[in-house]
Amino acid sequence: AIQESLELYQNTVEYLDDRNIQDHQNLDNEEGLKNSRSSIEDTTDQLRIALRLSEQQQLEEEQRRLLEEETFRQVLELSLTDK
């Protein structure tokens, strides 16, 4: 009876240790998922900012190109009317 009680106790301790390990792994996994989600959200925010900056840069380049074309056209007109 003592041997059986000892075996039952050892089995129970092993089971609880396994459960404890699983619980910690689940918490680690849950924390890992939270961290991953946060990282993905941060990356998404950074990509949105980069996209806005890229779009703004493209608009500025287009405006600069149009201004250069207009300036060139005006200079050309002036040079043709001066002759």
PDB file of N, CA and C in Angstrom:
ATOM      1  N   ALA A   1       0.831  -1.195   0.000  1.00  0.00           N
ATOM      2  CA  ALA A   1       0.000   0.000   0.000  1.00  0.00           C
ATOM      3  C   ALA A   1       0.869   1.249   0.000  1.00  0.00           C
ATOM      4  N   ILE A   2       1.970   1.208   0.773  1.00  0.00           N
ATOM      5  CA  ILE A   2       2.866   2.366   0.810  1.00  0.00           C
ATOM      6  C   ILE A   2       3.506   2.568  -0.554  1.00  0.00           C
ATOM      7  N   GLN A   3       3.910   1.454  -1.190  1.00  0.00           N
ATOM      8  CA  GLN A   3       4.524   1.523  -2.517  1.00  0.00           C
ATOM      9  C   GLN A   3       3.534   2.113  -3.522  1.00  0.00           C
ATOM     10  N   GLU A   4       2.288   1.671  -3.469  1.00  0.00           N
ATOM     11  CA  GLU A   4       1.268   2.190  -4.380  1.00  0.00           C
ATOM     12  C   GLU A   4       1.019   3.673  -4.132  1.00  0.00           C
ATOM     13  N   SER A   5       0.991   4.075  -2.864  1.00  0.00           N
ATOM     14  CA  SER A   5       0.800   5.486  -2.528  1.00  0.00           C
ATOM     15  C   SER A   5       1.969   6.318  -3.043  1.00  0.00           C
ATOM     16  N   LEU A   6       3.181   5.777  -2.901  1.00  0.00           N
ATOM     17  CA  LEU A   6       4.367   6.480  -3.386  1.00  0.00           C
ATOM     18  C   LEU A   6       4.314   6.629  -4.905  1.00  0.00           C
ATOM     19  N   GLU A   7       3.943   5.563  -5.605  1.00  0.00           N
ATOM     20  CA  GLU A   7       3.829   5.620  -7.060  1.00  0.00           C
ATOM     21  C   GLU A   7       2.753   6.615  -7.489  1.00  0.00           C
ATOM     22  N   LEU A   8       1.617   6.597  -6.803  1.00  0.00           N
ATOM     23  CA  LEU A   8       0.542   7.537  -7.103  1.00  0.00           C
ATOM     24  C   LEU A   8       1.016   8.970  -6.885  1.00  0.00           C
ATOM     25  N   TYR A   9       1.745   9.181  -5.783  1.00  0.00           N
ATOM     26  CA  TYR A   9       2.280  10.512  -5.483  1.00  0.00           C
ATOM     27  C   TYR A   9       3.250  10.952  -6.585  1.00  0.00           C
ATOM     28  N   GLN A  10       4.167  10.055  -6.979  1.00  0.00           N
ATOM     29  CA  GLN A  10       5.144  10.387  -8.014  1.00  0.00           C
ATOM     30  C   GLN A  10       4.454  10.675  -9.345  1.00  0.00           C
ATOM     31  N   ASN A  11       3.469   9.864  -9.681  1.00  0.00           N
ATOM     32  CA  ASN A  11       2.714  10.094 -10.918  1.00  0.00           C
ATOM     33  C   ASN A  11       1.993  11.442 -10.882  1.00  0.00           C
ATOM     34  N   THR A  12       1.428  11.751  -9.715  1.00  0.00           N
ATOM     35  CA  THR A  12       0.725  13.026  -9.569  1.00  0.00           C
ATOM     36  C   THR A  12       1.694  14.195  -9.709  1.00  0.00           C
ATOM     37  N   VAL A  13       2.854  14.094  -9.069  1.00  0.00           N
ATOM     38  CA  VAL A  13       3.865  15.152  -9.160  1.00  0.00           C
ATOM     39  C   VAL A  13       4.329  15.314 -10.605  1.00  0.00           C
ATOM     40  N   GLU A  14       4.587  14.205 -11.296  1.00  0.00           N
ATOM     41  CA  GLU A  14       5.003  14.266 -12.695  1.00  0.00           C
ATOM     42  C   GLU A  14       3.920  14.917 -13.553  1.00  0.00           C
ATOM     43  N   TYR A  15       2.669  14.529 -13.313  1.00  0.00           N
ATOM     44  CA  TYR A  15       1.553  15.101 -14.059  1.00  0.00           C
ATOM     45  C   TYR A  15       1.481  16.610 -13.830  1.00  0.00           C
ATOM     46  N   LEU A  16       1.591  17.009 -12.553  1.00  0.00           N
ATOM     47  CA  LEU A  16       1.519  18.439 -12.240  1.00  0.00           C
ATOM     48  C   LEU A  16       2.704  19.196 -12.831  1.00  0.00           C
ATOM     49  N   ASP A  17       3.889  18.581 -12.802  1.00  0.00           N
ATOM     50  CA  ASP A  17       5.053  19.208 -13.421  1.00  0.00           C
ATOM     51  C   ASP A  17       4.826  19.389 -14.918  1.00  0.00           C
ATOM     52  N   ASP A  18       4.307  18.330 -15.563  1.00  0.00           N
ATOM     53  CA  ASP A  18       4.013  18.423 -16.994  1.00  0.00           C
ATOM     54  C   ASP A  18       2.993  19.520 -17.275  1.00  0.00           C
ATOM     55  N   ARG A  19       1.942  19.579 -16.459  1.00  0.00           N
ATOM     56  CA  ARG A  19       0.908  20.618 -16.623  1.00  0.00           C
ATOM     57  C   ARG A  19       1.507  22.005 -16.420  1.00  0.00           C
ATOM     58  N   ASN A  20       2.367  22.117 -15.413  1.00  0.00           N
ATOM     59  CA  ASN A  20       3.009  23.395 -15.126  1.00  0.00           C
ATOM     60  C   ASN A  20       3.864  23.831 -16.316  1.00  0.00           C
ATOM     61  N   ILE A  21       4.615  22.878 -16.860  1.00  0.00           N
ATOM     62  CA  ILE A  21       5.435  23.174 -18.038  1.00  0.00           C
ATOM     63  C   ILE A  21       4.543  23.596 -19.201  1.00  0.00           C
ATOM     64  N   GLN A  22       3.447  22.861 -19.426  1.00  0.00           N
ATOM     65  CA  GLN A  22       2.522  23.210 -20.505  1.00  0.00           C
ATOM     66  C   GLN A  22       1.916  24.591 -20.287  1.00  0.00           C
ATOM     67  N   ASP A  23       1.543  24.875 -19.040  1.00  0.00           N
ATOM     68  CA  ASP A  23       0.980  26.193 -18.736  1.00  0.00           C
ATOM     69  C   ASP A  23       1.990  27.292 -19.039  1.00  0.00           C
ATOM     70  N   HIS A  24       3.242  27.065 -18.650  1.00  0.00           N
ATOM     71  CA  HIS A  24       4.280  28.057 -18.937  1.00  0.00           C
ATOM     72  C   HIS A  24       4.492  28.193 -20.442  1.00  0.00           C
ATOM     73  N   GLN A  25       4.473  27.065 -21.140  1.00  0.00           N
ATOM     74  CA  GLN A  25       4.635  27.121 -22.587  1.00  0.00           C
ATOM     75  C   GLN A  25       3.477  27.871 -23.221  1.00  0.00           C
ATOM     76  N   ASN A  26       2.267  27.618 -22.731  1.00  0.00           N
ATOM     77  CA  ASN A  26       1.107  28.333 -23.259  1.00  0.00           C
ATOM     78  C   ASN A  26       1.223  29.823 -22.995  1.00  0.00           C
ATOM     79  N   LEU A  27       1.664  30.180 -21.784  1.00  0.00           N
ATOM     80  CA  LEU A  27       1.859  31.598 -21.474  1.00  0.00           C
ATOM     81  C   LEU A  27       2.948  32.192 -22.349  1.00  0.00           C
ATOM     82  N   ASP A  28       4.040  31.432 -22.528  1.00  0.00           N
ATOM     83  CA  ASP A  28       5.115  31.904 -23.396  1.00  0.00           C
ATOM     84  C   ASP A  28       4.602  32.084 -24.816  1.00  0.00           C
ATOM     85  N   ASN A  29       3.816  31.111 -25.303  1.00  0.00           N
ATOM     86  CA  ASN A  29       3.257  31.214 -26.646  1.00  0.00           C
ATOM     87  C   ASN A  29       2.320  32.404 -26.757  1.00  0.00           C
ATOM     88  N   GLU A  30       1.488  32.591 -25.736  1.00  0.00           N
ATOM     89  CA  GLU A  30       0.553  33.715 -25.744  1.00  0.00           C
ATOM     90  C   GLU A  30       1.315  35.040 -25.728  1.00  0.00           C
ATOM     91  N   GLU A  31       2.337  35.107 -24.898  1.00  0.00           N
ATOM     92  CA  GLU A  31       3.160  36.323 -24.840  1.00  0.00           C
ATOM     93  C   GLU A  31       3.877  36.531 -26.169  1.00  0.00           C
ATOM     94  N   GLY A  32       4.364  35.433 -26.736  1.00  0.00           N
ATOM     95  CA  GLY A  32       5.009  35.518 -28.046  1.00  0.00           C
ATOM     96  C   GLY A  32       4.055  36.013 -29.112  1.00  0.00           C
ATOM     97  N   LEU A  33       2.815  35.530 -29.072  1.00  0.00           N
ATOM     98  CA  LEU A  33       1.820  36.001 -30.036  1.00  0.00           C
ATOM     99  C   LEU A  33       1.515  37.477 -29.850  1.00  0.00           C
ATOM    100  N   LYS A  34       1.416  37.904 -28.597  1.00  0.00           N
ATOM    101  CA  LYS A  34       1.179  39.328 -28.327  1.00  0.00           C
ATOM    102  C   LYS A  34       2.334  40.168 -28.857  1.00  0.00           C
ATOM    103  N   ASN A  35       3.557  39.699 -28.605  1.00  0.00           N
ATOM    104  CA  ASN A  35       4.729  40.425 -29.094  1.00  0.00           C
ATOM    105  C   ASN A  35       4.762  40.452 -30.614  1.00  0.00           C
ATOM    106  N   SER A  36       4.418  39.326 -31.235  1.00  0.00           N
ATOM    107  CA  SER A  36       4.389  39.267 -32.697  1.00  0.00           C
ATOM    108  C   SER A  36       3.336  40.213 -33.248  1.00  0.00           C
ATOM    109  N   ARG A  37       2.164  40.205 -32.637  1.00  0.00           N
ATOM    110  CA  ARG A  37       1.086  41.091 -33.076  1.00  0.00           C
ATOM    111  C   ARG A  37       1.521  42.550 -32.952  1.00  0.00           C
ATOM    112  N   SER A  38       2.148  42.878 -31.835  1.00  0.00           N
ATOM    113  CA  SER A  38       2.623  44.246 -31.617  1.00  0.00           C
ATOM    114  C   SER A  38       3.679  44.615 -32.654  1.00  0.00           C
ATOM    115  N   SER A  39       4.576  43.689 -32.923  1.00  0.00           N
ATOM    116  CA  SER A  39       5.621  43.930 -33.912  1.00  0.00           C
ATOM    117  C   SER A  39       5.025  44.129 -35.300  1.00  0.00           C
ATOM    118  N   ILE A  40       4.027  43.322 -35.637  1.00  0.00           N
ATOM    119  CA  ILE A  40       3.362  43.459 -36.938  1.00  0.00           C
ATOM    120  C   ILE A  40       2.657  44.803 -37.032  1.00  0.00           C
ATOM    121  N   GLU A  41       1.992  45.209 -35.952  1.00  0.00           N
ATOM    122  CA  GLU A  41       1.316  46.510 -35.949  1.00  0.00           C
ATOM    123  C   GLU A  41       2.325  47.639 -36.105  1.00  0.00           C
ATOM    124  N   ASP A  42       3.464  47.535 -35.422  1.00  0.00           N
ATOM    125  CA  ASP A  42       4.509  48.553 -35.551  1.00  0.00           C
ATOM    126  C   ASP A  42       5.037  48.602 -36.978  1.00  0.00           C
ATOM    127  N   THR A  43       5.276  47.435 -37.558  1.00  0.00           N
ATOM    128  CA  THR A  43       5.764  47.373 -38.932  1.00  0.00           C
ATOM    129  C   THR A  43       4.742  47.957 -39.891  1.00  0.00           C
ATOM    130  N   THR A  44       3.465  47.657 -39.673  1.00  0.00           N
ATOM    131  CA  THR A  44       2.402  48.200 -40.512  1.00  0.00           C
ATOM    132  C   THR A  44       2.380  49.719 -40.424  1.00  0.00           C
ATOM    133  N   ASP A  45       2.499  50.247 -39.221  1.00  0.00           N
ATOM    134  CA  ASP A  45       2.540  51.702 -39.042  1.00  0.00           C
ATOM    135  C   ASP A  45       3.737  52.307 -39.771  1.00  0.00           C
ATOM    136  N   GLN A  46       4.885  51.659 -39.657  1.00  0.00           N
ATOM    137  CA  GLN A  46       6.082  52.162 -40.332  1.00  0.00           C
ATOM    138  C   GLN A  46       5.911  52.129 -41.849  1.00  0.00           C
ATOM    139  N   LEU A  47       5.281  51.066 -42.356  1.00  0.00           N
ATOM    140  CA  LEU A  47       5.049  50.975 -43.798  1.00  0.00           C
ATOM    141  C   LEU A  47       4.074  52.044 -44.266  1.00  0.00           C
ATOM    142  N   ARG A  48       3.046  52.329 -43.466  1.00  0.00           N
ATOM    143  CA  ARG A  48       2.105  53.400 -43.818  1.00  0.00           C
ATOM    144  C   ARG A  48       2.819  54.749 -43.886  1.00  0.00           C
ATOM    145  N   ILE A  49       3.667  54.998 -42.891  1.00  0.00           N
ATOM    146  CA  ILE A  49       4.425  56.251 -42.880  1.00  0.00           C
ATOM    147  C   ILE A  49       5.347  56.320 -44.094  1.00  0.00           C
ATOM    148  N   ALA A  50       6.037  55.225 -44.381  1.00  0.00           N
ATOM    149  CA  ALA A  50       6.938  55.185 -45.534  1.00  0.00           C
ATOM    150  C   ALA A  50       6.164  55.412 -46.827  1.00  0.00           C
ATOM    151  N   LEU A  51       4.970  54.833 -46.933  1.00  0.00           N
ATOM    152  CA  LEU A  51       4.150  55.023 -48.126  1.00  0.00           C
ATOM    153  C   LEU A  51       3.746  56.484 -48.268  1.00  0.00           C
ATOM    154  N   ARG A  52       3.296  57.099 -47.168  1.00  0.00           N
ATOM    155  CA  ARG A  52       2.912  58.517 -47.215  1.00  0.00           C
ATOM    156  C   ARG A  52       4.097  59.392 -47.612  1.00  0.00           C
ATOM    157  N   LEU A  53       5.268  59.097 -47.045  1.00  0.00           N
ATOM    158  CA  LEU A  53       6.457  59.874 -47.394  1.00  0.00           C
ATOM    159  C   LEU A  53       6.824  59.689 -48.864  1.00  0.00           C
ATOM    160  N   SER A  54       6.707  58.466 -49.341  1.00  0.00           N
ATOM    161  CA  SER A  54       7.002  58.183 -50.743  1.00  0.00           C
ATOM    162  C   SER A  54       6.027  58.919 -51.660  1.00  0.00           C
ATOM    163  N   GLU A  55       4.743  58.884 -51.302  1.00  0.00           N
ATOM    164  CA  GLU A  55       3.744  59.593 -52.103  1.00  0.00           C
ATOM    165  C   GLU A  55       4.014  61.091 -52.092  1.00  0.00           C
ATOM    166  N   GLN A  56       4.369  61.629 -50.923  1.00  0.00           N
ATOM    167  CA  GLN A  56       4.675  63.052 -50.814  1.00  0.00           C
ATOM    168  C   GLN A  56       5.903  63.394 -51.656  1.00  0.00           C
ATOM    169  N   GLN A  57       6.901  62.535 -51.610  1.00  0.00           N
ATOM    170  CA  GLN A  57       8.116  62.764 -52.388  1.00  0.00           C
ATOM    171  C   GLN A  57       7.803  62.740 -53.884  1.00  0.00           C
ATOM    172  N   GLN A  58       6.955  61.810 -54.315  1.00  0.00           N
ATOM    173  CA  GLN A  58       6.573  61.747 -55.725  1.00  0.00           C
ATOM    174  C   GLN A  58       5.835  63.010 -56.148  1.00  0.00           C
ATOM    175  N   LEU A  59       4.933  63.497 -55.282  1.00  0.00           N
ATOM    176  CA  LEU A  59       4.219  64.739 -55.592  1.00  0.00           C
ATOM    177  C   LEU A  59       5.187  65.916 -55.700  1.00  0.00           C
ATOM    178  N   GLU A  60       6.123  65.997 -54.774  1.00  0.00           N
ATOM    179  CA  GLU A  60       7.106  67.079 -54.810  1.00  0.00           C
ATOM    180  C   GLU A  60       7.963  66.999 -56.070  1.00  0.00           C
ATOM    181  N   GLU A  61       8.368  65.804 -56.456  1.00  0.00           N
ATOM    182  CA  GLU A  61       9.161  65.633 -57.674  1.00  0.00           C
ATOM    183  C   GLU A  61       8.350  66.028 -58.905  1.00  0.00           C
ATOM    184  N   GLU A  62       7.076  65.658 -58.934  1.00  0.00           N
ATOM    185  CA  GLU A  62       6.207  66.026 -60.049  1.00  0.00           C
ATOM    186  C   GLU A  62       6.027  67.543 -60.107  1.00  0.00           C
ATOM    187  N   GLN A  63       5.829  68.170 -58.953  1.00  0.00           N
ATOM    188  CA  GLN A  63       5.697  69.631 -58.918  1.00  0.00           C
ATOM    189  C   GLN A  63       6.987  70.304 -59.381  1.00  0.00           C
ATOM    190  N   ARG A  64       8.129  69.781 -58.954  1.00  0.00           N
ATOM    191  CA  ARG A  64       9.416  70.335 -59.372  1.00  0.00           C
ATOM    192  C   ARG A  64       9.597  70.173 -60.888  1.00  0.00           C
ATOM    193  N   ARG A  65       9.212  69.020 -61.414  1.00  0.00           N
ATOM    194  CA  ARG A  65       9.330  68.783 -62.855  1.00  0.00           C
ATOM    195  C   ARG A  65       8.435  69.748 -63.629  1.00  0.00           C
ATOM    196  N   LEU A  66       7.198  69.927 -63.165  1.00  0.00           N
ATOM    197  CA  LEU A  66       6.280  70.852 -63.829  1.00  0.00           C
ATOM    198  C   LEU A  66       6.799  72.284 -63.768  1.00  0.00           C
ATOM    199  N   LEU A  67       7.363  72.667 -62.635  1.00  0.00           N
ATOM    200  CA  LEU A  67       7.926  74.008 -62.494  1.00  0.00           C
ATOM    201  C   LEU A  67       9.108  74.199 -63.440  1.00  0.00           C
ATOM    202  N   GLU A  68       9.968  73.188 -63.543  1.00  0.00           N
ATOM    203  CA  GLU A  68      11.102  73.268 -64.469  1.00  0.00           C
ATOM    204  C   GLU A  68      10.622  73.386 -65.907  1.00  0.00           C
ATOM    205  N   GLU A  69       9.594  72.605 -66.270  1.00  0.00           N
ATOM    206  CA  GLU A  69       9.045  72.685 -67.623  1.00  0.00           C
ATOM    207  C   GLU A  69       8.456  74.062 -67.897  1.00  0.00           C
ATOM    208  N   GLU A  70       7.717  74.594 -66.937  1.00  0.00           N
ATOM    209  CA  GLU A  70       7.113  75.916 -67.101  1.00  0.00           C
ATOM    210  C   GLU A  70       8.189  76.992 -67.196  1.00  0.00           C
ATOM    211  N   THR A  71       9.203  76.876 -66.364  1.00  0.00           N
ATOM    212  CA  THR A  71      10.308  77.842 -66.412  1.00  0.00           C
ATOM    213  C   THR A  71      11.015  77.771 -67.759  1.00  0.00           C
ATOM    214  N   PHE A  72      11.279  76.565 -68.225  1.00  0.00           N
ATOM    215  CA  PHE A  72      11.930  76.393 -69.526  1.00  0.00           C
ATOM    216  C   PHE A  72      11.065  76.982 -70.643  1.00  0.00           C
ATOM    217  N   ARG A  73       9.753  76.732 -70.576  1.00  0.00           N
ATOM    218  CA  ARG A  73       8.834  77.256 -71.595  1.00  0.00           C
ATOM    219  C   ARG A  73       8.842  78.784 -71.594  1.00  0.00           C
ATOM    220  N   GLN A  74       8.822  79.386 -70.408  1.00  0.00           N
ATOM    221  CA  GLN A  74       8.827  80.850 -70.318  1.00  0.00           C
ATOM    222  C   GLN A  74      10.137  81.435 -70.835  1.00  0.00           C
ATOM    223  N   VAL A  75      11.245  80.803 -70.481  1.00  0.00           N
ATOM    224  CA  VAL A  75      12.544  81.269 -70.967  1.00  0.00           C
ATOM    225  C   VAL A  75      12.607  81.144 -72.484  1.00  0.00           C
ATOM    226  N   LEU A  76      12.101  80.052 -73.008  1.00  0.00           N
ATOM    227  CA  LEU A  76      12.085  79.846 -74.456  1.00  0.00           C
ATOM    228  C   LEU A  76      11.225  80.900 -75.137  1.00  0.00           C
ATOM    229  N   GLU A  77      10.048  81.173 -74.584  1.00  0.00           N
ATOM    230  CA  GLU A  77       9.169  82.202 -75.150  1.00  0.00           C
ATOM    231  C   GLU A  77       9.847  83.568 -75.130  1.00  0.00           C
ATOM    232  N   LEU A  78      10.490  83.892 -74.015  1.00  0.00           N
ATOM    233  CA  LEU A  78      11.180  85.178 -73.914  1.00  0.00           C
ATOM    234  C   LEU A  78      12.314  85.278 -74.923  1.00  0.00           C
ATOM    235  N   SER A  79      13.047  84.206 -75.077  1.00  0.00           N
ATOM    236  CA  SER A  79      14.167  84.244 -76.019  1.00  0.00           C
ATOM    237  C   SER A  79      13.665  84.349 -77.451  1.00  0.00           C
ATOM    238  N   LEU A  80      12.517  83.757 -77.749  1.00  0.00           N
ATOM    239  CA  LEU A  80      11.962  83.841 -79.100  1.00  0.00           C
ATOM    240  C   LEU A  80      11.356  85.218 -79.361  1.00  0.00           C
ATOM    241  N   THR A  81      10.754  85.837 -78.372  1.00  0.00           N
ATOM    242  CA  THR A  81      10.149  87.159 -78.571  1.00  0.00           C
ATOM    243  C   THR A  81      11.201  88.252 -78.601  1.00  0.00           C
ATOM    244  N   ASP A  82      12.369  88.021 -78.013  1.00  0.00           N
ATOM    245  CA  ASP A  82      13.442  89.016 -78.020  1.00  0.00           C
ATOM    246  C   ASP A  82      14.118  89.091 -79.377  1.00  0.00           C
ATOM    247  N   LYS A  83      14.014  88.071 -80.180  1.00  0.00           N
ATOM    248  CA  LYS A  83      14.724  88.040 -81.466  1.00  0.00           C
ATOM    249  C   LYS A  83      14.000  88.781 -82.512  1.00  0.00           C
TER     250      LYS A  83
END
